[in-house]
Amino acid sequence: MPATRFICPDKQTIAISNCLAPQGCRMNERCATVPYLRHIAKQRPFVKVTPSAAGNGARYIYLKAIHEYAIDPYAMTWAVLGTAAHELLSNREIVDNVFEEMPLSHDAMEGIPDVLERDEFNAGSYILTDYKTFGSYKVAKCLGIEKIQQALRDSDGRVVTFKSGKNKGNPKMISVFTHTGTRDIKNEMLQLNCYRIMYEAAGFPVSRMNLQVIVRDGATYIAKSRGIKENMYLIDIPRMKDGEVLGYYKALQSAVSDALITGWAPKCSAEESWDGRRCKGYCDVAKQCAEMPEFEEVRDGQCVASH
């Protein structure tokens, strides 16, 4: 179910309806404007797994679907920025062979892709693009950029070494950015390919898929330190086998559906929990997750949760 409470700056909570009421703030002054608070309070209730669910575990989806939870207005700023970017770039109309935010469905899946454009260089085909607003760390991962250490060399290509001190004779090392060829885009690949399958089922062959990414911290020192020099990137997304994509979403939907019946879902994987970082500060239902039994048992033919 959608969030029902806000987390105030003093870490106490208040019902969203009470907060948004005139003079409803429980503190001396509001932490944000009422329009901002009203905007972040608008959240879609869970109906079924959608393409954008890629990367989320069944337990996370299930718990957010059935439990009330609280959201921190300060933690929603990047989500608001992303929503604003989508709204500015999408007019939800078909103009000059560009389809924007057109609801689609296929094989019990539903979704709203961002934009489909006619491929100007490939007659009869289309380019599918999804808008994203990512921090520079995520952008670097998507591009496969990593910082590595390598020996400093002079103009003649010779390794420069320390001339004195405890490191005498050892090479001087410098940090350089390199494209490793390993890109962290699994979730984006699943999402875009799911949209592609929907469009192609509707008669629109897709020749290419892209992410158009706005770098939230572009042009800052930290972004440049990660090898991110531009404020926006167009990142190509590889084509996946249809069966692999649909199989992933079918399995995820099945796990969530089972949880809605049994009241139990397996813990998120290391990948889904960001190696545990999500659990420690980025999960709205971490408390409910911690209270869920570790294992599920079968008794008399029925699945029941067990500690």
C-alpha atoms as a PDB file:
ATOM      1  CA  MET A   1       0.000   0.000   0.000  1.00  0.00           C
ATOM      2  CA  PRO A   2       1.205   3.578  -0.456  1.00  0.00           C
ATOM      3  CA  ALA A   3       3.093   5.393   2.276  1.00  0.00           C
ATOM      4  CA  THR A   4       0.817   6.700   5.027  1.00  0.00           C
ATOM      5  CA  ARG A   5       3.251   8.715   7.169  1.00  0.00           C
ATOM      6  CA  PHE A   6       6.013  11.258   6.813  1.00  0.00           C
ATOM      7  CA  ILE A   7       9.223  11.126   8.838  1.00  0.00           C
ATOM      8  CA  CYS A   8       9.736  14.554  10.384  1.00  0.00           C
ATOM      9  CA  PRO A   9      13.187  16.162  10.875  1.00  0.00           C
ATOM     10  CA  ASP A  10      13.149  15.052  14.527  1.00  0.00           C
ATOM     11  CA  LYS A  11      12.600  11.453  13.287  1.00  0.00           C
ATOM     12  CA  GLN A  12       9.069  11.299  14.682  1.00  0.00           C
ATOM     13  CA  THR A  13       6.289  10.483  12.225  1.00  0.00           C
ATOM     14  CA  ILE A  14       2.999  12.068  11.297  1.00  0.00           C
ATOM     15  CA  ALA A  15       0.105  10.816   9.212  1.00  0.00           C
ATOM     16  CA  ILE A  16       0.357  12.303   5.732  1.00  0.00           C
ATOM     17  CA  SER A  17      -3.266  13.431   5.852  1.00  0.00           C
ATOM     18  CA  ASN A  18      -2.627  15.284   9.109  1.00  0.00           C
ATOM     19  CA  CYS A  19       0.577  16.870   7.834  1.00  0.00           C
ATOM     20  CA  LEU A  20      -1.120  18.200   4.689  1.00  0.00           C
ATOM     21  CA  ALA A  21      -4.046  19.660   6.594  1.00  0.00           C
ATOM     22  CA  PRO A  22      -4.019  23.438   7.264  1.00  0.00           C
ATOM     23  CA  GLN A  23      -1.812  24.109  10.297  1.00  0.00           C
ATOM     24  CA  GLY A  24      -1.176  20.373  10.342  1.00  0.00           C
ATOM     25  CA  CYS A  25       2.581  20.495  10.861  1.00  0.00           C
ATOM     26  CA  ARG A  26       3.489  19.062  14.266  1.00  0.00           C
ATOM     27  CA  MET A  27       6.667  21.178  14.463  1.00  0.00           C
ATOM     28  CA  ASN A  28       7.241  24.921  14.589  1.00  0.00           C
ATOM     29  CA  GLU A  29       7.752  25.161  10.834  1.00  0.00           C
ATOM     30  CA  ARG A  30       7.379  22.902   7.845  1.00  0.00           C
ATOM     31  CA  CYS A  31      10.359  20.953   6.501  1.00  0.00           C
ATOM     32  CA  ALA A  32       9.213  21.613   2.915  1.00  0.00           C
ATOM     33  CA  THR A  33       6.460  23.357   0.988  1.00  0.00           C
ATOM     34  CA  VAL A  34       3.003  21.831   0.954  1.00  0.00           C
ATOM     35  CA  PRO A  35       3.119  21.313  -2.865  1.00  0.00           C
ATOM     36  CA  TYR A  36       6.349  19.324  -2.492  1.00  0.00           C
ATOM     37  CA  LEU A  37       4.897  17.225   0.307  1.00  0.00           C
ATOM     38  CA  ARG A  38       1.686  16.694  -1.627  1.00  0.00           C
ATOM     39  CA  HIS A  39       3.701  15.557  -4.665  1.00  0.00           C
ATOM     40  CA  ILE A  40       5.793  12.953  -2.853  1.00  0.00           C
ATOM     41  CA  ALA A  41       2.684  11.653  -1.100  1.00  0.00           C
ATOM     42  CA  LYS A  42       1.263  10.548  -4.467  1.00  0.00           C
ATOM     43  CA  GLN A  43       2.367   6.950  -4.843  1.00  0.00           C
ATOM     44  CA  ARG A  44       0.787   4.212  -6.904  1.00  0.00           C
ATOM     45  CA  PRO A  45      -0.640   1.249  -4.998  1.00  0.00           C
ATOM     46  CA  PHE A  46       0.757  -2.147  -6.023  1.00  0.00           C
ATOM     47  CA  VAL A  47      -1.270  -4.029  -8.633  1.00  0.00           C
ATOM     48  CA  LYS A  48       1.264  -6.256 -10.360  1.00  0.00           C
ATOM     49  CA  VAL A  49       4.950  -6.410 -11.193  1.00  0.00           C
ATOM     50  CA  THR A  50       5.902  -3.883 -13.885  1.00  0.00           C
ATOM     51  CA  PRO A  51       9.056  -3.534 -16.025  1.00  0.00           C
ATOM     52  CA  SER A  52      10.472  -0.910 -13.658  1.00  0.00           C
ATOM     53  CA  ALA A  53      10.504  -3.507 -10.854  1.00  0.00           C
ATOM     54  CA  ALA A  54      13.719  -5.028 -12.239  1.00  0.00           C
ATOM     55  CA  GLY A  55      16.326  -5.285  -9.520  1.00  0.00           C
ATOM     56  CA  ASN A  56      13.824  -5.360  -6.651  1.00  0.00           C
ATOM     57  CA  GLY A  57      13.396  -8.508  -4.619  1.00  0.00           C
ATOM     58  CA  ALA A  58      10.031 -10.226  -4.168  1.00  0.00           C
ATOM     59  CA  ARG A  59      10.134  -9.562  -0.406  1.00  0.00           C
ATOM     60  CA  TYR A  60      10.689  -5.831  -0.938  1.00  0.00           C
ATOM     61  CA  ILE A  61       7.804  -5.618  -3.426  1.00  0.00           C
ATOM     62  CA  TYR A  62       5.513  -7.729  -1.246  1.00  0.00           C
ATOM     63  CA  LEU A  63       6.156  -5.797   1.970  1.00  0.00           C
ATOM     64  CA  LYS A  64       5.610  -2.438   0.264  1.00  0.00           C
ATOM     65  CA  ALA A  65       2.358  -3.791  -1.176  1.00  0.00           C
ATOM     66  CA  ILE A  66       0.815  -4.854   2.135  1.00  0.00           C
ATOM     67  CA  HIS A  67       2.357  -2.653   4.833  1.00  0.00           C
ATOM     68  CA  GLU A  68       1.962   0.956   5.751  1.00  0.00           C
ATOM     69  CA  TYR A  69       5.305   2.699   5.842  1.00  0.00           C
ATOM     70  CA  ALA A  70       6.770   6.138   6.354  1.00  0.00           C
ATOM     71  CA  ILE A  71       8.830   8.214   3.918  1.00  0.00           C
ATOM     72  CA  ASP A  72      11.405  10.892   4.608  1.00  0.00           C
ATOM     73  CA  PRO A  73      10.708  14.047   2.534  1.00  0.00           C
ATOM     74  CA  TYR A  74      14.441  14.786   2.415  1.00  0.00           C
ATOM     75  CA  ALA A  75      15.139  11.336   0.946  1.00  0.00           C
ATOM     76  CA  MET A  76      12.680  11.923  -1.914  1.00  0.00           C
ATOM     77  CA  THR A  77      14.492  14.830  -3.575  1.00  0.00           C
ATOM     78  CA  TRP A  78      16.175  12.769  -6.287  1.00  0.00           C
ATOM     79  CA  ALA A  79      12.923  10.981  -7.063  1.00  0.00           C
ATOM     80  CA  VAL A  80      11.220  14.368  -7.470  1.00  0.00           C
ATOM     81  CA  LEU A  81      14.024  15.523  -9.760  1.00  0.00           C
ATOM     82  CA  GLY A  82      13.639  12.411 -11.884  1.00  0.00           C
ATOM     83  CA  THR A  83       9.880  12.852 -12.109  1.00  0.00           C
ATOM     84  CA  ALA A  84      10.284  16.493 -13.089  1.00  0.00           C
ATOM     85  CA  ALA A  85      12.705  15.555 -15.865  1.00  0.00           C
ATOM     86  CA  HIS A  86      10.223  13.018 -17.223  1.00  0.00           C
ATOM     87  CA  GLU A  87       7.383  15.510 -17.153  1.00  0.00           C
ATOM     88  CA  LEU A  88       9.420  18.161 -18.978  1.00  0.00           C
ATOM     89  CA  LEU A  89      10.542  15.765 -21.703  1.00  0.00           C
ATOM     90  CA  SER A  90       7.244  13.965 -22.257  1.00  0.00           C
ATOM     91  CA  ASN A  91       4.082  15.485 -23.674  1.00  0.00           C
ATOM     92  CA  ARG A  92       2.149  12.178 -23.868  1.00  0.00           C
ATOM     93  CA  GLU A  93       1.231  12.799 -27.490  1.00  0.00           C
ATOM     94  CA  ILE A  94       2.206  11.289 -30.826  1.00  0.00           C
ATOM     95  CA  VAL A  95       4.090  14.026 -32.680  1.00  0.00           C
ATOM     96  CA  ASP A  96       6.311  13.580 -35.745  1.00  0.00           C
ATOM     97  CA  ASN A  97       6.455   9.799 -35.320  1.00  0.00           C
ATOM     98  CA  VAL A  98       7.479  10.081 -31.670  1.00  0.00           C
ATOM     99  CA  PHE A  99       5.445   8.069 -29.148  1.00  0.00           C
ATOM    100  CA  GLU A 100       5.794   9.284 -25.563  1.00  0.00           C
ATOM    101  CA  GLU A 101       4.569   7.518 -22.405  1.00  0.00           C
ATOM    102  CA  MET A 102       2.161   5.260 -24.279  1.00  0.00           C
ATOM    103  CA  PRO A 103       0.669   2.563 -21.982  1.00  0.00           C
ATOM    104  CA  LEU A 104       1.414  -0.947 -23.279  1.00  0.00           C
ATOM    105  CA  SER A 105       0.749  -4.513 -22.210  1.00  0.00           C
ATOM    106  CA  HIS A 106       1.911  -7.963 -23.241  1.00  0.00           C
ATOM    107  CA  ASP A 107       1.656 -11.417 -21.694  1.00  0.00           C
ATOM    108  CA  ALA A 108       0.052 -10.076 -18.479  1.00  0.00           C
ATOM    109  CA  MET A 109       2.737  -7.384 -18.201  1.00  0.00           C
ATOM    110  CA  GLU A 110       1.924  -3.692 -18.306  1.00  0.00           C
ATOM    111  CA  GLY A 111       4.153  -0.647 -18.527  1.00  0.00           C
ATOM    112  CA  ILE A 112       4.587   2.914 -19.745  1.00  0.00           C
ATOM    113  CA  PRO A 113       7.808   3.371 -21.764  1.00  0.00           C
ATOM    114  CA  ASP A 114       9.225   6.881 -21.960  1.00  0.00           C
ATOM    115  CA  VAL A 115       9.738   7.470 -25.671  1.00  0.00           C
ATOM    116  CA  LEU A 116       9.784   5.609 -29.003  1.00  0.00           C
ATOM    117  CA  GLU A 117      11.163   7.455 -32.035  1.00  0.00           C
ATOM    118  CA  ARG A 118      11.282   6.429 -35.670  1.00  0.00           C
ATOM    119  CA  ASP A 119      14.824   5.378 -36.546  1.00  0.00           C
ATOM    120  CA  GLU A 120      15.875   7.951 -39.142  1.00  0.00           C
ATOM    121  CA  PHE A 121      18.669   5.714 -40.405  1.00  0.00           C
ATOM    122  CA  ASN A 122      16.839   2.385 -40.421  1.00  0.00           C
ATOM    123  CA  ALA A 123      13.568   2.540 -42.340  1.00  0.00           C
ATOM    124  CA  GLY A 124      10.621   0.840 -40.689  1.00  0.00           C
ATOM    125  CA  SER A 125      12.307   0.583 -37.285  1.00  0.00           C
ATOM    126  CA  TYR A 126      12.182   2.531 -34.053  1.00  0.00           C
ATOM    127  CA  ILE A 127      14.526   3.632 -31.266  1.00  0.00           C
ATOM    128  CA  LEU A 128      13.373   3.034 -27.685  1.00  0.00           C
ATOM    129  CA  THR A 129      14.752   5.381 -25.015  1.00  0.00           C
ATOM    130  CA  ASP A 130      14.253   5.597 -21.273  1.00  0.00           C
ATOM    131  CA  TYR A 131      15.044   8.780 -19.336  1.00  0.00           C
ATOM    132  CA  LYS A 132      17.067   8.442 -16.146  1.00  0.00           C
ATOM    133  CA  THR A 133      18.573  10.802 -13.585  1.00  0.00           C
ATOM    134  CA  PHE A 134      21.562   9.075 -11.989  1.00  0.00           C
ATOM    135  CA  GLY A 135      24.409  10.129  -9.752  1.00  0.00           C
ATOM    136  CA  SER A 136      27.895  10.030 -11.266  1.00  0.00           C
ATOM    137  CA  TYR A 137      28.759   6.806  -9.413  1.00  0.00           C
ATOM    138  CA  LYS A 138      25.871   4.979 -11.094  1.00  0.00           C
ATOM    139  CA  VAL A 139      26.669   6.553 -14.473  1.00  0.00           C
ATOM    140  CA  ALA A 140      30.260   5.352 -14.244  1.00  0.00           C
ATOM    141  CA  LYS A 141      29.012   1.847 -13.485  1.00  0.00           C
ATOM    142  CA  CYS A 142      26.653   1.979 -16.471  1.00  0.00           C
ATOM    143  CA  LEU A 143      29.483   3.073 -18.752  1.00  0.00           C
ATOM    144  CA  GLY A 144      31.909   0.513 -17.383  1.00  0.00           C
ATOM    145  CA  ILE A 145      34.337   3.181 -16.181  1.00  0.00           C
ATOM    146  CA  GLU A 146      36.660   2.205 -13.359  1.00  0.00           C
ATOM    147  CA  LYS A 147      39.548   3.978 -11.681  1.00  0.00           C
ATOM    148  CA  ILE A 148      42.741   1.963 -11.716  1.00  0.00           C
ATOM    149  CA  GLN A 149      46.310   2.557 -10.600  1.00  0.00           C
ATOM    150  CA  GLN A 150      49.104   2.398 -13.117  1.00  0.00           C
ATOM    151  CA  ALA A 151      52.755   3.334 -13.252  1.00  0.00           C
ATOM    152  CA  LEU A 152      53.624   6.906 -14.236  1.00  0.00           C
ATOM    153  CA  ARG A 153      55.695   7.104 -17.429  1.00  0.00           C
ATOM    154  CA  ASP A 154      57.830   9.907 -18.841  1.00  0.00           C
ATOM    155  CA  SER A 155      57.636  11.342 -22.353  1.00  0.00           C
ATOM    156  CA  ASP A 156      59.793   8.468 -23.631  1.00  0.00           C
ATOM    157  CA  GLY A 157      57.510   5.842 -22.132  1.00  0.00           C
ATOM    158  CA  ARG A 158      59.859   4.887 -19.315  1.00  0.00           C
ATOM    159  CA  VAL A 159      58.421   4.125 -15.870  1.00  0.00           C
ATOM    160  CA  VAL A 160      59.137   6.937 -13.398  1.00  0.00           C
ATOM    161  CA  THR A 161      60.474   5.694 -10.054  1.00  0.00           C
ATOM    162  CA  PHE A 162      61.100   7.267  -6.669  1.00  0.00           C
ATOM    163  CA  LYS A 163      64.688   8.513  -6.373  1.00  0.00           C
ATOM    164  CA  SER A 164      64.881   8.485  -2.607  1.00  0.00           C
ATOM    165  CA  GLY A 165      63.033   7.626   0.572  1.00  0.00           C
ATOM    166  CA  LYS A 166      61.468   4.344   1.623  1.00  0.00           C
ATOM    167  CA  ASN A 167      59.944   3.851  -1.836  1.00  0.00           C
ATOM    168  CA  LYS A 168      63.237   4.378  -3.680  1.00  0.00           C
ATOM    169  CA  GLY A 169      63.265   2.363  -6.859  1.00  0.00           C
ATOM    170  CA  ASN A 170      59.517   1.706  -6.793  1.00  0.00           C
ATOM    171  CA  PRO A 171      57.370   3.082  -9.627  1.00  0.00           C
ATOM    172  CA  LYS A 172      55.291   6.193  -9.029  1.00  0.00           C
ATOM    173  CA  MET A 173      51.597   5.367  -9.447  1.00  0.00           C
ATOM    174  CA  ILE A 174      48.791   7.502 -10.845  1.00  0.00           C
ATOM    175  CA  SER A 175      45.040   7.042 -11.009  1.00  0.00           C
ATOM    176  CA  VAL A 176      43.521   6.729 -14.472  1.00  0.00           C
ATOM    177  CA  PHE A 177      40.017   6.029 -15.698  1.00  0.00           C
ATOM    178  CA  THR A 178      39.467   3.216 -18.128  1.00  0.00           C
ATOM    179  CA  HIS A 179      36.557   1.523 -19.847  1.00  0.00           C
ATOM    180  CA  THR A 180      36.767  -2.031 -18.571  1.00  0.00           C
ATOM    181  CA  GLY A 181      34.068  -3.365 -20.892  1.00  0.00           C
ATOM    182  CA  THR A 182      32.068  -4.564 -17.898  1.00  0.00           C
ATOM    183  CA  ARG A 183      28.944  -2.446 -17.543  1.00  0.00           C
ATOM    184  CA  ASP A 184      26.521  -2.647 -14.621  1.00  0.00           C
ATOM    185  CA  ILE A 185      23.248  -2.296 -16.531  1.00  0.00           C
ATOM    186  CA  LYS A 186      21.427  -5.562 -15.838  1.00  0.00           C
ATOM    187  CA  ASN A 187      18.288  -3.949 -14.397  1.00  0.00           C
ATOM    188  CA  GLU A 188      18.126  -1.344 -17.148  1.00  0.00           C
ATOM    189  CA  MET A 189      18.554  -4.077 -19.762  1.00  0.00           C
ATOM    190  CA  LEU A 190      15.625  -6.023 -18.328  1.00  0.00           C
ATOM    191  CA  GLN A 191      13.385  -2.954 -18.176  1.00  0.00           C
ATOM    192  CA  LEU A 192      14.159  -1.675 -21.680  1.00  0.00           C
ATOM    193  CA  ASN A 193      13.935  -5.108 -23.240  1.00  0.00           C
ATOM    194  CA  CYS A 194      10.586  -5.683 -21.566  1.00  0.00           C
ATOM    195  CA  TYR A 195       9.304  -2.451 -23.108  1.00  0.00           C
ATOM    196  CA  ARG A 196      10.817  -3.510 -26.438  1.00  0.00           C
ATOM    197  CA  ILE A 197       8.889  -6.790 -26.347  1.00  0.00           C
ATOM    198  CA  MET A 198       5.670  -4.870 -25.689  1.00  0.00           C
ATOM    199  CA  TYR A 199       6.261  -2.478 -28.570  1.00  0.00           C
ATOM    200  CA  GLU A 200       7.237  -5.223 -30.982  1.00  0.00           C
ATOM    201  CA  ALA A 201       4.137  -7.217 -30.023  1.00  0.00           C
ATOM    202  CA  ALA A 202       2.159  -4.087 -30.949  1.00  0.00           C
ATOM    203  CA  GLY A 203       3.822  -3.949 -34.377  1.00  0.00           C
ATOM    204  CA  PHE A 204       6.722  -1.547 -33.780  1.00  0.00           C
ATOM    205  CA  PRO A 205      10.095  -3.225 -34.483  1.00  0.00           C
ATOM    206  CA  VAL A 206      12.836  -1.778 -32.305  1.00  0.00           C
ATOM    207  CA  SER A 207      16.306  -1.417 -33.827  1.00  0.00           C
ATOM    208  CA  ARG A 208      18.038   0.208 -30.863  1.00  0.00           C
ATOM    209  CA  MET A 209      17.538   0.897 -27.170  1.00  0.00           C
ATOM    210  CA  ASN A 210      19.108   3.697 -25.117  1.00  0.00           C
ATOM    211  CA  LEU A 211      19.198   5.281 -21.711  1.00  0.00           C
ATOM    212  CA  GLN A 212      19.316   9.068 -21.836  1.00  0.00           C
ATOM    213  CA  VAL A 213      20.903   9.851 -18.495  1.00  0.00           C
ATOM    214  CA  ILE A 214      21.100  13.231 -16.793  1.00  0.00           C
ATOM    215  CA  VAL A 215      23.987  13.250 -14.301  1.00  0.00           C
ATOM    216  CA  ARG A 216      22.626  14.679 -11.058  1.00  0.00           C
ATOM    217  CA  ASP A 217      26.027  15.848  -9.874  1.00  0.00           C
ATOM    218  CA  GLY A 218      27.434  16.590 -13.308  1.00  0.00           C
ATOM    219  CA  ALA A 219      30.303  19.107 -13.621  1.00  0.00           C
ATOM    220  CA  THR A 220      31.224  18.678  -9.959  1.00  0.00           C
ATOM    221  CA  TYR A 221      34.615  17.611  -8.665  1.00  0.00           C
ATOM    222  CA  ILE A 222      33.286  14.254  -7.480  1.00  0.00           C
ATOM    223  CA  ALA A 223      31.768  13.485 -10.899  1.00  0.00           C
ATOM    224  CA  LYS A 224      35.005  14.338 -12.695  1.00  0.00           C
ATOM    225  CA  SER A 225      36.954  12.265 -10.155  1.00  0.00           C
ATOM    226  CA  ARG A 226      34.896   9.294 -11.342  1.00  0.00           C
ATOM    227  CA  GLY A 227      35.655   9.932 -14.999  1.00  0.00           C
ATOM    228  CA  ILE A 228      32.261  11.506 -15.733  1.00  0.00           C
ATOM    229  CA  LYS A 229      32.951  14.630 -17.781  1.00  0.00           C
ATOM    230  CA  GLU A 230      29.549  15.253 -19.387  1.00  0.00           C
ATOM    231  CA  ASN A 231      26.254  16.291 -17.821  1.00  0.00           C
ATOM    232  CA  MET A 232      24.266  13.879 -19.982  1.00  0.00           C
ATOM    233  CA  TYR A 233      24.989  10.548 -21.615  1.00  0.00           C
ATOM    234  CA  LEU A 234      23.220   8.404 -24.203  1.00  0.00           C
ATOM    235  CA  ILE A 235      23.954   4.822 -23.192  1.00  0.00           C
ATOM    236  CA  ASP A 236      23.148   1.966 -25.542  1.00  0.00           C
ATOM    237  CA  ILE A 237      21.296  -1.042 -24.136  1.00  0.00           C
ATOM    238  CA  PRO A 238      21.947  -4.514 -25.625  1.00  0.00           C
ATOM    239  CA  ARG A 239      19.154  -6.708 -26.880  1.00  0.00           C
ATOM    240  CA  MET A 240      18.278  -9.725 -24.725  1.00  0.00           C
ATOM    241  CA  LYS A 241      16.456 -12.908 -25.617  1.00  0.00           C
ATOM    242  CA  ASP A 242      12.713 -12.505 -25.160  1.00  0.00           C
ATOM    243  CA  GLY A 243      12.442 -15.715 -23.163  1.00  0.00           C
ATOM    244  CA  GLU A 244      15.106 -14.577 -20.709  1.00  0.00           C
ATOM    245  CA  VAL A 245      13.336 -11.269 -20.110  1.00  0.00           C
ATOM    246  CA  LEU A 246       9.831 -12.661 -19.795  1.00  0.00           C
ATOM    247  CA  GLY A 247      11.109 -15.532 -17.645  1.00  0.00           C
ATOM    248  CA  TYR A 248      12.655 -13.076 -15.177  1.00  0.00           C
ATOM    249  CA  TYR A 249       9.439 -11.089 -14.755  1.00  0.00           C
ATOM    250  CA  LYS A 250       7.271 -14.215 -14.635  1.00  0.00           C
ATOM    251  CA  ALA A 251       9.411 -15.624 -11.815  1.00  0.00           C
ATOM    252  CA  LEU A 252       9.327 -12.324  -9.929  1.00  0.00           C
ATOM    253  CA  GLN A 253       5.558 -12.010 -10.277  1.00  0.00           C
ATOM    254  CA  SER A 254       5.116 -15.629  -9.193  1.00  0.00           C
ATOM    255  CA  ALA A 255       7.240 -15.060  -6.055  1.00  0.00           C
ATOM    256  CA  VAL A 256       5.254 -11.938  -5.152  1.00  0.00           C
ATOM    257  CA  SER A 257       1.931 -13.711  -5.796  1.00  0.00           C
ATOM    258  CA  ASP A 258       3.011 -16.598  -3.561  1.00  0.00           C
ATOM    259  CA  ALA A 259       3.978 -14.126  -0.835  1.00  0.00           C
ATOM    260  CA  LEU A 260       0.556 -12.512  -0.977  1.00  0.00           C
ATOM    261  CA  ILE A 261      -0.917 -15.956  -0.259  1.00  0.00           C
ATOM    262  CA  THR A 262       1.569 -17.362   2.257  1.00  0.00           C
ATOM    263  CA  GLY A 263       2.736 -14.158   3.943  1.00  0.00           C
ATOM    264  CA  TRP A 264       6.381 -15.021   3.318  1.00  0.00           C
ATOM    265  CA  ALA A 265       8.995 -14.206   0.679  1.00  0.00           C
ATOM    266  CA  PRO A 266      12.721 -14.966   0.542  1.00  0.00           C
ATOM    267  CA  LYS A 267      15.233 -12.312   1.511  1.00  0.00           C
ATOM    268  CA  CYS A 268      16.519 -10.054  -1.198  1.00  0.00           C
ATOM    269  CA  SER A 269      19.690 -11.309  -2.836  1.00  0.00           C
ATOM    270  CA  ALA A 270      22.999  -9.509  -2.409  1.00  0.00           C
ATOM    271  CA  GLU A 271      22.408  -7.882  -5.772  1.00  0.00           C
ATOM    272  CA  GLU A 272      18.869  -6.782  -4.884  1.00  0.00           C
ATOM    273  CA  SER A 273      19.969  -5.425  -1.487  1.00  0.00           C
ATOM    274  CA  TRP A 274      23.076  -3.701  -2.904  1.00  0.00           C
ATOM    275  CA  ASP A 275      25.233  -5.984  -0.756  1.00  0.00           C
ATOM    276  CA  GLY A 276      23.200  -4.954   2.276  1.00  0.00           C
ATOM    277  CA  ARG A 277      23.535  -1.200   1.818  1.00  0.00           C
ATOM    278  CA  ARG A 278      19.892  -0.829   0.870  1.00  0.00           C
ATOM    279  CA  CYS A 279      18.798  -2.491   4.106  1.00  0.00           C
ATOM    280  CA  LYS A 280      20.788  -0.052   6.226  1.00  0.00           C
ATOM    281  CA  GLY A 281      19.319   3.209   4.996  1.00  0.00           C
ATOM    282  CA  TYR A 282      17.515   2.997   1.678  1.00  0.00           C
ATOM    283  CA  CYS A 283      14.655   0.565   2.300  1.00  0.00           C
ATOM    284  CA  ASP A 284      11.241   1.831   3.450  1.00  0.00           C
ATOM    285  CA  VAL A 285      10.257  -1.594   4.791  1.00  0.00           C
ATOM    286  CA  ALA A 286      13.508  -2.679   6.462  1.00  0.00           C
ATOM    287  CA  LYS A 287      11.762  -2.966   9.845  1.00  0.00           C
ATOM    288  CA  GLN A 288       9.020  -5.239   8.482  1.00  0.00           C
ATOM    289  CA  CYS A 289      11.653  -7.282   6.655  1.00  0.00           C
ATOM    290  CA  ALA A 290      13.632  -7.838   9.853  1.00  0.00           C
ATOM    291  CA  GLU A 291      10.463  -9.104  11.537  1.00  0.00           C
ATOM    292  CA  MET A 292       9.767 -11.677   8.800  1.00  0.00           C
ATOM    293  CA  PRO A 293      10.765 -15.265   9.654  1.00  0.00           C
ATOM    294  CA  GLU A 294      13.987 -16.535   8.131  1.00  0.00           C
ATOM    295  CA  PHE A 295      12.545 -19.672   6.546  1.00  0.00           C
ATOM    296  CA  GLU A 296       9.312 -21.078   5.201  1.00  0.00           C
ATOM    297  CA  GLU A 297       8.089 -24.547   6.157  1.00  0.00           C
ATOM    298  CA  VAL A 298       5.437 -26.821   4.679  1.00  0.00           C
ATOM    299  CA  ARG A 299       2.981 -28.324   7.161  1.00  0.00           C
ATOM    300  CA  ASP A 300       0.014 -30.471   6.140  1.00  0.00           C
ATOM    301  CA  GLY A 301       0.479 -29.346   2.579  1.00  0.00           C
ATOM    302  CA  GLN A 302       0.401 -25.666   3.520  1.00  0.00           C
ATOM    303  CA  CYS A 303       3.318 -23.220   3.437  1.00  0.00           C
ATOM    304  CA  VAL A 304       3.880 -21.445   6.728  1.00  0.00           C
ATOM    305  CA  ALA A 305       6.603 -19.075   7.910  1.00  0.00           C
ATOM    306  CA  SER A 306       9.119 -20.370  10.437  1.00  0.00           C
ATOM    307  CA  HIS A 307      11.868 -18.748  12.514  1.00  0.00           C
END
